[in-house]
Amino acid sequence: MSHQATADNSACISVEIPPSDLLASVLRHVSDSGYRFTTTTPLTHQRMLDHRGGEPGTTLRDVFGWNLPFLASAVPPELLDLMKCTGILVRCGAFLKSAIRIASLDDLLFIHSAFPTTDQAAVFFGPDTYRFVRFVQSHLPAVIHHANTDVPLRLLDIGCGSGAGGIAVACALRRAGLVVDATLNDINQIALDTSALNAQHAGIRINLALGDALDSVAGDFDLIITNPPFLDDAQQRAYRHGGAGLGRALSVRFAANALARLAPGGCLLLYTGVAMLDGTDPFWAELAPLLAASGCDWRYEEIDPDIFGDELSRPIYAHVDRIAAVGLVATRPGGPSDA
């Protein structure tokens, strides 16, 4: 089939993700189709777009995964009508384009922002999301084993973004027979709106906390999970910029605040990235005294030795060896099993 026009992403309109029951219906329709899509890095995504050479999308993976402009015939009529009603169907030259993407993780689907994620309030989902969720899931058996089944388990996801971490964990805890009181936090209202939609689709009830991390919630928690932004982003976009120290300041602050808000027996699972300098880990150098003062038992591990390698070409990273993914597991003594 030939086309007289090609799709030009630069001509597309960007819109915010709208909170809507109709958008939840979009998710249901896509899910019912058996849709699966593993979201890639921006570089890999752009490579695929370049490879397609401007040809419009023809499948739901093209529309909601690769986020290609498409002809109306590529989407079932009922789904296309829902997209129109929600406002996520936008004109892109001679074609149409979705203002959202949809990623799959295990048997769950997650709405997140359109490509490219250049806006300050973008909701990002990518390979780091998968690494974060896998790290947390690997430590859940211990959390479940030590949980107090007499009361709901208080779960907090700091900087939740799309909600993937908190929702995946809440689903796993529920499958284990636990009652979960889940709170998802973010400084970005669009992220919370997106998390609410994704939680609704997953059948999980959540509390939403808008604000700066633990300042937005009260009390202590049985499980705190977080994947803080850890890059030094020139545009200081909320989902990427980790602050001073080549992006580690936010991770240090989240760790310090979370350690102080663990209930007896509570666990902190923190996944982040660290710019390694001269063979040393500067994040660990700041973290070690915090852990010593907290009285918590802990384990610190390097999960992946080399991530976001493309960032190292930027001048600010010129003296950096590599960026590594690391994970912290910290547990406060005093839970039911210690009694």
Foldseek 3Di string as FASTA:
>chain_A
DDDPDFFDPVQWDADFQDQDPLVLVLVVVCLVVVDAEAAAPLVVLVVVVVVVVRHADQELCRQQPSFGFHAPNSDPPVSVVSQVVRVQWTDGPPTITGQWHWHDDVSAIFIFGGPPQPDLQGQDDYPVLNVQQVLVVVPVVVLLVQDDQVDAAEEEEFQCRLVSNQLSSCVVSVVSVGHHAYEYEHQHVSSQSRNVSRNVSSVHDYHYFHDHGPVRDDAAGQEYEYEAAAACDPVPRRRHALDPPRRCVNVLVNLLVNLVRHDAFHKYKYKYKAQAAPNHGVNCVSVVVSLVVSQWDKDKAFDAQADPVVVCVDPVNVRTPHMTMMIMMTTHHDTPVND
